[in-house]
N, C-alpha and C. Protein backbone atom coordinates (compact mmCIF):
# COMPACT_ATOMS: atom_id res chain seq x y z
N MET A 1 93.63 -16.45 -27.35
CA MET A 1 92.87 -17.19 -28.34
C MET A 1 91.43 -16.76 -28.67
N GLN A 2 91.04 -16.54 -29.84
CA GLN A 2 89.80 -16.07 -30.25
C GLN A 2 88.76 -17.10 -30.22
N ARG A 3 87.61 -16.77 -29.52
CA ARG A 3 86.42 -17.75 -29.43
C ARG A 3 85.79 -17.94 -30.79
N VAL A 4 85.52 -19.09 -31.11
CA VAL A 4 84.94 -19.41 -32.42
C VAL A 4 83.51 -19.72 -32.14
N LEU A 5 82.57 -18.87 -32.84
CA LEU A 5 81.21 -18.90 -32.53
C LEU A 5 80.61 -19.88 -33.56
N PRO A 6 79.52 -20.73 -33.22
CA PRO A 6 78.90 -21.46 -34.23
C PRO A 6 78.19 -20.56 -35.23
N LEU A 7 78.01 -21.08 -36.47
CA LEU A 7 77.35 -20.29 -37.45
C LEU A 7 76.06 -19.79 -36.95
N SER A 8 75.28 -20.57 -36.42
CA SER A 8 73.91 -19.98 -36.05
C SER A 8 74.00 -18.91 -35.12
N ASP A 9 75.05 -18.82 -34.17
CA ASP A 9 75.25 -17.66 -33.31
C ASP A 9 75.74 -16.42 -34.03
N ARG A 10 76.53 -16.61 -35.01
CA ARG A 10 76.86 -15.49 -35.86
C ARG A 10 75.84 -15.00 -36.61
N ILE A 11 74.99 -15.81 -37.22
CA ILE A 11 73.83 -15.29 -37.86
C ILE A 11 72.84 -14.45 -37.09
N ASN A 12 72.50 -15.01 -35.95
CA ASN A 12 71.73 -14.41 -34.95
C ASN A 12 72.32 -13.03 -34.49
N HIS A 13 73.58 -13.00 -34.21
CA HIS A 13 74.30 -11.67 -33.92
C HIS A 13 74.15 -10.70 -35.07
N ALA A 14 74.33 -11.07 -36.31
CA ALA A 14 74.40 -10.23 -37.47
C ALA A 14 72.89 -9.60 -37.67
N ARG A 15 71.86 -10.44 -37.44
CA ARG A 15 70.62 -10.09 -37.52
C ARG A 15 70.20 -9.10 -36.34
N SER A 16 70.90 -9.27 -35.25
CA SER A 16 70.46 -8.20 -34.11
C SER A 16 71.18 -6.90 -34.17
N VAL A 17 72.20 -6.74 -34.98
CA VAL A 17 72.95 -5.52 -35.20
C VAL A 17 72.08 -4.44 -35.79
N SER A 18 71.78 -3.34 -35.12
CA SER A 18 70.84 -2.36 -35.74
C SER A 18 71.56 -1.30 -36.41
N LYS A 19 72.76 -1.08 -36.25
CA LYS A 19 73.56 0.02 -36.85
C LYS A 19 73.84 -0.27 -38.39
N GLU A 20 74.04 0.81 -39.16
CA GLU A 20 74.35 0.49 -40.56
C GLU A 20 75.81 -0.25 -40.79
N VAL A 21 76.05 -0.71 -41.87
CA VAL A 21 77.25 -1.37 -42.09
C VAL A 21 78.32 -0.40 -42.26
N SER A 22 79.42 -0.61 -41.46
CA SER A 22 80.53 0.41 -41.64
C SER A 22 81.37 0.13 -42.81
N GLY A 23 82.20 1.21 -43.17
CA GLY A 23 82.98 1.00 -44.34
C GLY A 23 82.34 1.50 -45.56
N PRO A 24 82.74 1.28 -46.69
CA PRO A 24 82.30 1.80 -47.98
C PRO A 24 80.86 1.11 -48.08
N ASP A 25 79.94 1.99 -48.62
CA ASP A 25 78.49 1.51 -48.69
C ASP A 25 78.52 0.51 -49.83
N PHE A 26 77.80 -0.57 -49.42
CA PHE A 26 77.66 -1.69 -50.52
C PHE A 26 76.68 -1.34 -51.61
N LEU A 27 76.07 -0.23 -51.45
CA LEU A 27 75.12 0.28 -52.47
C LEU A 27 75.73 1.29 -53.40
N ASP A 28 77.05 1.35 -53.34
CA ASP A 28 77.69 2.41 -54.11
C ASP A 28 77.43 2.18 -55.60
N PHE A 29 77.18 1.07 -56.19
CA PHE A 29 77.00 0.72 -57.42
C PHE A 29 75.72 1.33 -57.95
N LEU A 30 74.71 1.67 -57.03
CA LEU A 30 73.37 2.18 -57.43
C LEU A 30 73.58 3.58 -58.13
N PRO A 31 74.27 4.55 -57.56
CA PRO A 31 74.50 5.81 -58.18
C PRO A 31 75.11 5.60 -59.63
N LEU A 32 76.06 4.59 -59.75
CA LEU A 32 76.82 4.33 -61.00
C LEU A 32 75.82 3.80 -61.96
N LEU A 33 74.89 2.91 -61.54
CA LEU A 33 73.90 2.36 -62.45
C LEU A 33 72.93 3.44 -63.00
N HIS A 34 72.48 4.27 -61.97
CA HIS A 34 71.69 5.42 -62.45
C HIS A 34 72.43 6.40 -63.27
N ALA A 35 73.70 6.56 -63.05
CA ALA A 35 74.42 7.59 -63.96
C ALA A 35 74.38 6.98 -65.36
N ARG A 36 74.53 5.74 -65.51
CA ARG A 36 74.56 5.20 -66.94
C ARG A 36 73.20 4.80 -67.38
N SER A 37 72.13 5.08 -66.64
CA SER A 37 70.80 4.68 -67.00
C SER A 37 70.23 5.31 -68.27
N GLU A 38 70.95 6.30 -68.78
CA GLU A 38 70.40 7.03 -69.94
C GLU A 38 71.32 6.55 -71.11
N SER A 39 72.21 5.64 -70.90
CA SER A 39 73.24 5.27 -71.85
C SER A 39 72.59 4.14 -72.74
N ASP A 40 72.74 4.16 -74.01
CA ASP A 40 72.41 3.16 -75.04
C ASP A 40 73.60 2.29 -75.27
N SER A 41 74.65 2.35 -74.57
CA SER A 41 75.75 1.39 -74.68
C SER A 41 75.35 0.12 -74.20
N VAL A 42 75.99 -1.03 -74.73
CA VAL A 42 75.55 -2.35 -74.27
C VAL A 42 76.18 -2.65 -72.87
N PHE A 43 75.25 -3.24 -72.00
CA PHE A 43 75.71 -3.57 -70.71
C PHE A 43 75.82 -4.97 -70.49
N LEU A 44 74.91 -5.83 -71.14
CA LEU A 44 74.83 -7.18 -70.77
C LEU A 44 74.59 -7.95 -72.06
N ILE A 45 75.21 -9.00 -72.45
CA ILE A 45 75.02 -9.94 -73.55
C ILE A 45 74.92 -11.26 -72.95
N PHE A 46 73.80 -11.92 -73.43
CA PHE A 46 73.57 -13.32 -73.05
C PHE A 46 73.23 -14.22 -74.23
N CYS A 47 73.93 -15.47 -74.21
CA CYS A 47 73.73 -16.29 -75.22
C CYS A 47 73.22 -17.70 -74.64
N ASP A 48 72.02 -18.19 -75.04
CA ASP A 48 71.52 -19.39 -74.45
C ASP A 48 72.12 -20.54 -75.05
N SER A 49 71.76 -21.80 -74.61
CA SER A 49 72.34 -22.96 -75.12
C SER A 49 71.94 -23.37 -76.59
N ASN A 50 70.88 -22.59 -77.08
CA ASN A 50 70.50 -22.80 -78.43
C ASN A 50 71.13 -21.77 -79.37
N GLY A 51 72.10 -20.97 -78.74
CA GLY A 51 72.72 -19.93 -79.73
C GLY A 51 72.03 -18.55 -79.78
N HIS A 52 70.86 -18.46 -79.15
CA HIS A 52 70.09 -17.34 -79.20
C HIS A 52 70.77 -16.22 -78.45
N ARG A 53 71.01 -15.06 -78.99
CA ARG A 53 71.78 -14.04 -78.32
C ARG A 53 70.81 -12.77 -77.99
N VAL A 54 70.93 -12.19 -76.87
CA VAL A 54 70.17 -11.03 -76.50
C VAL A 54 71.10 -10.07 -75.72
N ALA A 55 70.99 -8.85 -76.07
CA ALA A 55 71.77 -7.82 -75.54
C ALA A 55 70.90 -6.74 -74.83
N PHE A 56 71.36 -6.15 -73.83
CA PHE A 56 70.65 -5.12 -72.99
C PHE A 56 71.56 -3.84 -72.93
N THR A 57 71.01 -2.75 -73.14
CA THR A 57 71.81 -1.49 -72.91
C THR A 57 71.73 -1.25 -71.41
N TYR A 58 72.50 -0.19 -70.95
CA TYR A 58 72.44 0.28 -69.56
C TYR A 58 71.03 0.68 -69.24
N ARG A 59 70.53 1.37 -70.14
CA ARG A 59 69.13 1.92 -69.93
C ARG A 59 68.10 0.73 -69.74
N GLU A 60 68.09 -0.10 -70.56
CA GLU A 60 67.17 -1.31 -70.57
C GLU A 60 67.41 -2.09 -69.15
N PHE A 61 68.81 -2.30 -68.89
CA PHE A 61 69.03 -3.03 -67.64
C PHE A 61 68.62 -2.23 -66.47
N CYS A 62 68.88 -1.02 -66.40
CA CYS A 62 68.46 -0.24 -65.24
C CYS A 62 66.93 -0.25 -65.08
N GLU A 63 66.22 -0.15 -66.20
CA GLU A 63 64.79 -0.22 -66.01
C GLU A 63 64.21 -1.58 -65.51
N MET A 64 64.94 -2.73 -65.94
CA MET A 64 64.52 -3.97 -65.54
C MET A 64 64.92 -4.22 -64.03
N VAL A 65 65.95 -3.71 -63.54
CA VAL A 65 66.49 -3.89 -62.17
C VAL A 65 65.45 -2.99 -61.28
N CYS A 66 65.18 -1.84 -61.71
CA CYS A 66 64.30 -0.94 -60.87
C CYS A 66 62.97 -1.52 -60.81
N ARG A 67 62.26 -2.12 -61.90
CA ARG A 67 61.10 -2.66 -61.86
C ARG A 67 61.01 -3.95 -60.83
N THR A 68 62.10 -4.73 -61.04
CA THR A 68 62.13 -5.92 -60.17
C THR A 68 62.36 -5.55 -58.64
N ALA A 69 63.14 -4.53 -58.43
CA ALA A 69 63.20 -3.96 -57.09
C ALA A 69 61.95 -3.50 -56.50
N GLN A 70 61.21 -2.85 -57.36
CA GLN A 70 59.77 -2.24 -56.92
C GLN A 70 58.85 -3.51 -56.58
N PHE A 71 58.97 -4.50 -57.41
CA PHE A 71 58.20 -5.67 -57.19
C PHE A 71 58.48 -6.29 -55.86
N LEU A 72 59.74 -6.46 -55.61
CA LEU A 72 60.29 -7.06 -54.33
C LEU A 72 59.69 -6.30 -53.15
N GLN A 73 59.89 -4.95 -53.18
CA GLN A 73 59.50 -4.09 -52.25
C GLN A 73 57.91 -4.17 -51.95
N SER A 74 57.16 -4.26 -53.07
CA SER A 74 55.76 -4.56 -52.99
C SER A 74 55.32 -5.75 -52.39
N ASN A 75 56.16 -6.66 -52.39
CA ASN A 75 56.00 -8.02 -51.75
C ASN A 75 56.39 -8.04 -50.27
N GLY A 76 56.73 -6.90 -49.73
CA GLY A 76 57.16 -6.85 -48.35
C GLY A 76 58.48 -7.28 -48.01
N LEU A 77 59.37 -7.15 -48.94
CA LEU A 77 60.84 -7.72 -48.60
C LEU A 77 61.63 -6.46 -48.11
N TYR A 78 62.46 -6.65 -47.17
CA TYR A 78 63.24 -5.56 -46.60
C TYR A 78 64.68 -6.02 -46.37
N ARG A 79 65.61 -4.96 -46.25
CA ARG A 79 67.02 -5.22 -46.09
C ARG A 79 67.20 -6.43 -45.13
N GLY A 80 68.05 -7.44 -45.65
CA GLY A 80 68.40 -8.53 -44.81
C GLY A 80 67.52 -9.74 -44.98
N ASP A 81 66.41 -9.54 -45.74
CA ASP A 81 65.49 -10.68 -46.09
C ASP A 81 66.28 -11.54 -47.16
N ARG A 82 65.87 -12.78 -47.21
CA ARG A 82 66.55 -13.71 -48.17
C ARG A 82 65.60 -14.13 -49.21
N ILE A 83 66.23 -14.15 -50.41
CA ILE A 83 65.40 -14.70 -51.56
C ILE A 83 66.32 -15.65 -52.19
N ALA A 84 65.78 -16.69 -52.88
CA ALA A 84 66.42 -17.67 -53.66
C ALA A 84 66.33 -17.55 -55.06
N THR A 85 67.43 -17.85 -55.77
CA THR A 85 67.41 -18.08 -57.19
C THR A 85 67.56 -19.51 -57.57
N ILE A 86 66.57 -19.97 -58.32
CA ILE A 86 66.54 -21.41 -58.64
C ILE A 86 66.41 -21.48 -60.08
N SER A 87 67.68 -21.34 -60.78
CA SER A 87 67.83 -21.19 -62.17
C SER A 87 69.08 -21.44 -62.53
N PRO A 88 69.28 -21.92 -63.84
CA PRO A 88 70.47 -22.07 -64.44
C PRO A 88 71.08 -20.57 -64.80
N ASN A 89 72.28 -20.37 -65.18
CA ASN A 89 72.73 -19.03 -65.60
C ASN A 89 71.77 -18.47 -66.63
N HIS A 90 71.26 -17.34 -66.40
CA HIS A 90 70.38 -16.72 -67.23
C HIS A 90 70.40 -15.20 -67.03
N TRP A 91 70.08 -14.48 -68.04
CA TRP A 91 70.21 -12.98 -68.00
C TRP A 91 69.24 -12.49 -66.88
N GLN A 92 68.07 -13.06 -66.60
CA GLN A 92 67.05 -12.61 -65.60
C GLN A 92 67.77 -12.85 -64.22
N THR A 93 68.54 -13.82 -64.22
CA THR A 93 69.10 -14.01 -62.76
C THR A 93 70.01 -12.78 -62.46
N VAL A 94 70.76 -12.29 -63.45
CA VAL A 94 71.61 -11.12 -63.21
C VAL A 94 70.70 -9.91 -62.76
N VAL A 95 69.59 -9.70 -63.44
CA VAL A 95 68.63 -8.72 -63.06
C VAL A 95 68.10 -8.92 -61.54
N HIS A 96 67.88 -10.10 -61.27
CA HIS A 96 67.38 -10.48 -59.83
C HIS A 96 68.38 -10.08 -58.81
N TYR A 97 69.64 -10.39 -59.11
CA TYR A 97 70.77 -10.17 -58.15
C TYR A 97 70.96 -8.59 -57.87
N PHE A 98 71.00 -7.87 -59.07
CA PHE A 98 71.19 -6.45 -58.86
C PHE A 98 69.89 -5.85 -58.07
N ALA A 99 68.75 -6.17 -58.38
CA ALA A 99 67.59 -5.72 -57.69
C ALA A 99 67.66 -5.96 -56.21
N CYS A 100 68.11 -7.21 -55.85
CA CYS A 100 68.23 -7.62 -54.51
C CYS A 100 69.38 -6.86 -53.92
N TRP A 101 70.53 -6.60 -54.44
CA TRP A 101 71.66 -5.81 -53.91
C TRP A 101 71.17 -4.44 -53.61
N ILE A 102 70.32 -3.85 -54.46
CA ILE A 102 69.99 -2.37 -54.32
C ILE A 102 69.24 -2.32 -53.07
N LEU A 103 68.39 -3.32 -52.83
CA LEU A 103 67.50 -3.24 -51.56
C LEU A 103 68.24 -3.81 -50.33
N GLY A 104 69.31 -4.44 -50.43
CA GLY A 104 70.13 -5.07 -49.23
C GLY A 104 69.57 -6.36 -48.98
N LEU A 105 68.93 -7.05 -49.87
CA LEU A 105 68.42 -8.37 -49.65
C LEU A 105 69.63 -9.37 -49.89
N VAL A 106 69.54 -10.58 -49.33
CA VAL A 106 70.47 -11.61 -49.40
C VAL A 106 70.10 -12.56 -50.54
N VAL A 107 70.79 -12.87 -51.40
CA VAL A 107 70.56 -13.82 -52.49
C VAL A 107 71.09 -15.20 -52.03
N VAL A 108 70.29 -16.14 -52.17
CA VAL A 108 70.63 -17.57 -51.95
C VAL A 108 70.56 -18.39 -53.04
N PRO A 109 71.69 -18.57 -53.85
CA PRO A 109 71.63 -19.30 -55.11
C PRO A 109 71.41 -20.81 -54.80
N VAL A 110 70.62 -21.50 -55.50
CA VAL A 110 70.40 -22.98 -55.24
C VAL A 110 70.79 -23.74 -56.51
N ASN A 111 71.66 -24.69 -56.11
CA ASN A 111 72.25 -25.51 -57.19
C ASN A 111 71.20 -26.60 -57.59
N LEU A 112 70.69 -26.51 -58.75
CA LEU A 112 69.67 -27.45 -59.30
C LEU A 112 70.13 -28.89 -59.29
N GLY A 113 71.52 -29.08 -59.15
CA GLY A 113 72.02 -30.51 -59.14
C GLY A 113 71.79 -31.13 -57.82
N GLU A 114 71.38 -30.48 -56.80
CA GLU A 114 71.12 -30.95 -55.48
C GLU A 114 69.77 -31.79 -55.49
N ASP A 115 69.70 -32.81 -54.66
CA ASP A 115 68.52 -33.58 -54.47
C ASP A 115 67.55 -32.72 -53.79
N ASP A 116 66.14 -33.13 -53.84
CA ASP A 116 65.13 -32.37 -53.26
C ASP A 116 65.29 -32.22 -51.79
N ASP A 117 65.82 -33.19 -51.04
CA ASP A 117 65.89 -32.99 -49.60
C ASP A 117 66.91 -31.82 -49.32
N ARG A 118 67.97 -31.80 -50.14
CA ARG A 118 69.04 -30.84 -49.84
C ARG A 118 68.54 -29.55 -50.07
N ILE A 119 67.70 -29.30 -51.22
CA ILE A 119 67.14 -27.97 -51.61
C ILE A 119 66.14 -27.59 -50.52
N GLU A 120 65.41 -28.48 -49.95
CA GLU A 120 64.46 -28.21 -48.98
C GLU A 120 65.21 -27.70 -47.68
N TYR A 121 66.24 -28.32 -47.46
CA TYR A 121 67.17 -27.97 -46.27
C TYR A 121 67.80 -26.57 -46.47
N ILE A 122 68.20 -26.17 -47.53
CA ILE A 122 68.84 -24.93 -47.91
C ILE A 122 67.72 -23.84 -47.88
N LEU A 123 66.56 -24.19 -48.30
CA LEU A 123 65.57 -23.11 -48.29
C LEU A 123 64.98 -22.80 -46.91
N GLU A 124 64.93 -23.95 -46.10
CA GLU A 124 64.50 -23.85 -44.75
C GLU A 124 65.56 -23.09 -43.82
N LYS A 125 66.79 -23.51 -43.97
CA LYS A 125 67.85 -23.06 -43.07
C LYS A 125 68.15 -21.51 -43.37
N ALA A 126 68.01 -21.28 -44.65
CA ALA A 126 68.37 -19.74 -45.10
C ALA A 126 67.07 -18.83 -44.79
N SER A 127 65.95 -19.30 -44.33
CA SER A 127 64.85 -18.58 -43.99
C SER A 127 64.44 -17.81 -45.17
N VAL A 128 64.32 -18.50 -46.46
CA VAL A 128 64.10 -17.82 -47.71
C VAL A 128 62.56 -17.45 -47.60
N LYS A 129 62.24 -16.10 -48.09
CA LYS A 129 60.93 -15.74 -48.27
C LYS A 129 60.23 -15.79 -49.67
N LEU A 130 61.09 -15.69 -50.60
CA LEU A 130 60.74 -15.62 -51.98
C LEU A 130 61.68 -16.38 -52.86
N ALA A 131 61.26 -17.01 -53.83
CA ALA A 131 62.14 -17.80 -54.71
C ALA A 131 61.83 -17.43 -56.21
N PHE A 132 62.83 -17.01 -56.87
CA PHE A 132 62.84 -16.82 -58.36
C PHE A 132 63.04 -18.12 -59.01
N VAL A 133 62.11 -18.73 -59.71
CA VAL A 133 62.23 -20.12 -60.24
C VAL A 133 61.98 -19.99 -61.80
N ARG A 134 62.82 -20.57 -62.62
CA ARG A 134 62.60 -20.67 -63.99
C ARG A 134 61.38 -21.74 -64.26
N ASP A 135 60.62 -21.48 -65.32
CA ASP A 135 59.48 -22.31 -65.54
C ASP A 135 59.73 -23.89 -65.47
N ASP A 136 60.96 -24.12 -66.03
CA ASP A 136 61.33 -25.69 -66.15
C ASP A 136 61.34 -26.30 -64.83
N TYR A 137 61.51 -25.53 -63.76
CA TYR A 137 61.77 -26.09 -62.41
C TYR A 137 60.62 -25.73 -61.45
N THR A 138 59.58 -25.16 -61.83
CA THR A 138 58.51 -24.84 -61.00
C THR A 138 57.80 -25.90 -60.39
N GLU A 139 57.51 -27.09 -61.27
CA GLU A 139 56.73 -28.15 -60.56
C GLU A 139 57.61 -28.82 -59.49
N ARG A 140 58.97 -29.07 -59.76
CA ARG A 140 59.86 -29.64 -58.79
C ARG A 140 59.85 -28.70 -57.50
N ILE A 141 60.00 -27.43 -57.54
CA ILE A 141 60.14 -26.64 -56.50
C ILE A 141 58.77 -26.44 -55.69
N GLU A 142 57.63 -26.45 -56.45
CA GLU A 142 56.33 -26.44 -55.69
C GLU A 142 56.21 -27.70 -55.00
N ARG A 143 56.59 -28.77 -55.44
CA ARG A 143 56.56 -30.06 -54.63
C ARG A 143 57.43 -29.94 -53.35
N ILE A 144 58.65 -29.39 -53.47
CA ILE A 144 59.59 -29.24 -52.35
C ILE A 144 59.04 -28.24 -51.28
N ILE A 145 58.40 -27.18 -51.76
CA ILE A 145 58.02 -26.18 -50.76
C ILE A 145 56.57 -26.54 -50.17
N GLY A 146 55.93 -27.59 -50.86
CA GLY A 146 54.70 -28.18 -50.40
C GLY A 146 54.84 -28.97 -49.11
N ARG A 147 56.04 -29.16 -48.78
CA ARG A 147 56.33 -30.09 -47.62
C ARG A 147 56.26 -29.11 -46.34
N GLU A 148 56.52 -29.67 -45.15
CA GLU A 148 56.50 -28.91 -43.92
C GLU A 148 57.11 -27.53 -44.12
N ASP A 149 56.74 -26.63 -43.26
CA ASP A 149 57.35 -25.33 -42.87
C ASP A 149 57.89 -24.45 -44.02
N LEU A 150 57.60 -24.82 -45.34
CA LEU A 150 58.10 -24.04 -46.34
C LEU A 150 56.93 -23.39 -47.35
N SER A 151 55.74 -23.67 -46.79
CA SER A 151 54.60 -22.99 -47.54
C SER A 151 54.54 -21.56 -47.61
N HIS A 152 55.31 -20.81 -46.72
CA HIS A 152 55.42 -19.36 -46.84
C HIS A 152 56.10 -18.85 -47.93
N ILE A 153 57.01 -19.65 -48.57
CA ILE A 153 57.85 -19.13 -49.61
C ILE A 153 56.99 -18.93 -50.96
N GLN A 154 57.05 -17.66 -51.39
CA GLN A 154 56.47 -17.15 -52.60
C GLN A 154 57.25 -17.64 -53.78
N ILE A 155 56.64 -18.24 -54.68
CA ILE A 155 57.39 -18.64 -56.03
C ILE A 155 57.13 -17.53 -57.10
N VAL A 156 58.18 -17.13 -57.76
CA VAL A 156 57.97 -16.08 -58.82
C VAL A 156 58.65 -16.68 -60.05
N ARG A 157 57.83 -16.78 -61.08
CA ARG A 157 58.40 -17.36 -62.34
C ARG A 157 58.80 -16.25 -63.27
């Protein structure tokens, strides 16, 4: 019979493993993204709730992802660090995800339908270091992280 470890033990074990992840490299999409970075073919189309449509080519998308990844690195984030996305579906969220994946960061999506106590719990237990927050939610999130033990979280709008 296999021993079942509590989630906290599994997380601590995963954090202590120093060797690289075995199997296919999870960053395999990076060379693909760079290979298409000169392409002017459309990669991403986003339509907001007002019907406004925006499209990005591979080139534009790759540039935004690389700039965002550089920003994350310049803020001292390293492989395994956790960032939160506090946003409804948006094209910028896609950029944030890709930038995090390139660097090996863990994305913690936060459901805006949760109450403030639950969001605080998620941010604390996930050990989030930085949160991408849409302007509409900044005041609420600042109030939440202004509570105990979350003041270290950097908010990026």
